[in-house]
Amino acid sequence: METDLATSLVMARSTATRFSAQVAIVKANREMEPAQMADQAARAAPPPGQGAKVDKLA
């Protein structure tokens, strides 16, 4: 009976650790998405016609 209890406790702890790691990975990925989108927008070429000439009245 002790072996079953010990095995159950180890499995429960392992599951909790795995879940915590998965949550941390998802959280890190969500934090990176806005930064990646901003980086892509900053590096993207301007739309056609924009930036073709300088508006000195602006």
Protein backbone atom coordinates (compact mmCIF):
# COMPACT_ATOMS: atom_id res chain seq x y z
CA MET A 1 0.00 0.00 0.00
CA GLU A 2 2.87 2.38 0.78
CA THR A 3 4.31 1.87 -2.69
CA ASP A 4 1.00 2.78 -4.32
CA LEU A 5 0.72 5.92 -2.21
CA ALA A 6 4.31 6.94 -2.94
CA THR A 7 3.83 6.30 -6.64
CA SER A 8 0.63 8.34 -6.65
CA LEU A 9 2.32 11.24 -4.88
CA VAL A 10 5.28 11.21 -7.28
CA MET A 11 2.95 11.13 -10.28
CA ALA A 12 0.85 13.98 -8.88
CA ARG A 13 3.96 16.08 -8.29
CA SER A 14 5.24 15.28 -11.77
CA THR A 15 1.93 16.30 -13.30
CA ALA A 16 1.93 19.57 -11.36
CA THR A 17 5.47 20.34 -12.48
CA ARG A 18 4.65 19.57 -16.11
CA PHE A 19 1.56 21.81 -15.94
CA SER A 20 3.60 24.66 -14.43
CA ALA A 21 6.15 24.35 -17.23
CA GLN A 22 3.41 24.40 -19.87
CA VAL A 23 1.85 27.51 -18.34
CA ALA A 24 5.25 29.24 -18.28
CA ILE A 25 5.84 28.40 -21.95
CA VAL A 26 2.41 29.67 -23.02
CA LYS A 27 2.91 32.85 -20.99
CA ALA A 28 6.32 33.48 -22.58
CA ASN A 29 4.90 32.92 -26.07
CA ARG A 30 2.04 35.35 -25.42
CA GLU A 31 4.46 38.02 -24.21
CA MET A 32 6.60 37.64 -27.33
CA GLU A 33 3.73 37.94 -29.85
CA PRO A 34 3.19 41.74 -29.53
CA ALA A 35 6.93 42.38 -29.64
CA GLN A 36 7.28 40.27 -32.78
CA MET A 37 4.31 42.02 -34.43
CA ALA A 38 5.78 45.46 -33.67
CA ASP A 39 9.16 44.36 -34.99
CA GLN A 40 7.63 43.06 -38.22
CA ALA A 41 5.63 46.26 -38.72
CA ALA A 42 8.72 48.40 -38.15
CA ARG A 43 10.78 46.39 -40.63
CA ALA A 44 8.07 46.14 -43.30
CA ALA A 45 8.31 48.22 -46.46
CA PRO A 46 5.88 51.15 -46.66
CA PRO A 47 2.72 50.68 -48.75
CA PRO A 48 2.93 51.63 -52.44
CA GLY A 49 2.91 55.40 -52.92
CA GLN A 50 3.84 56.17 -49.34
CA GLY A 51 7.28 57.64 -48.88
CA ALA A 52 7.72 58.35 -52.59
CA LYS A 53 8.16 62.07 -52.02
CA VAL A 54 8.77 64.36 -49.06
CA ASP A 55 5.92 66.60 -47.91
CA LYS A 56 7.71 69.73 -46.79
CA LEU A 57 4.47 71.33 -45.57
CA ALA A 58 3.96 68.72 -42.87
